[in-house]
Amino acid sequence: MWRIALGLIVAGIAGIVVGGHKLMVAMRNSSPVQMKYADWCASPPDAEWLELSEVHIDWGASARIDIEHKRKGVTTHTTHDYYVACWASDEDPNPVRAFVKVDDKEKQQLMEQCWNHENDEKMAHRQRQPHLRSAHHARPGADRA
């Protein structure tokens, strides 16, 4: 009985600590810091909540991270996190500095469709490639020997 009480006390303290941390973050960041993407790249602020403007989103440069949840070494289920790359413009030569997490189901489906379409294009391109075959070409007049 005392183990259950001790477990509840520890769980309550952990809940207060985690909840308190989230409350402090929320109080410190009551509204997002708004700035242009290029300005953020030049000097990122010390903020946990940003709202970036003038951002070019490239749906083709996106990724899905699969997270396997295990219990006793057995996978119970898998969740997916979707991210898309951001640039300052369509012609930005700089490497990607930020990824946006995509929570919208419709946009996640769009990303999946883009990936499937890219794979279809790769397969079609591969099928269009001429296959090199060795061929023996006879010289003109060689058959008259």
Foldseek 3Di string as FASTA:
>chain_A
DVVVVVVVVVVVVVVCVVVVVVVVLCVVPVDADEEEPVVCVVPNDPHPHHDYPQKDWDLQQKDKDKDFDDDPRHGPDIDIWIWTFIDNDPPGPDDTDDIDIDPDPVSVVVSVVSVVVVVVVVVVVVVPDDDDDDDDDDDPPPVVD
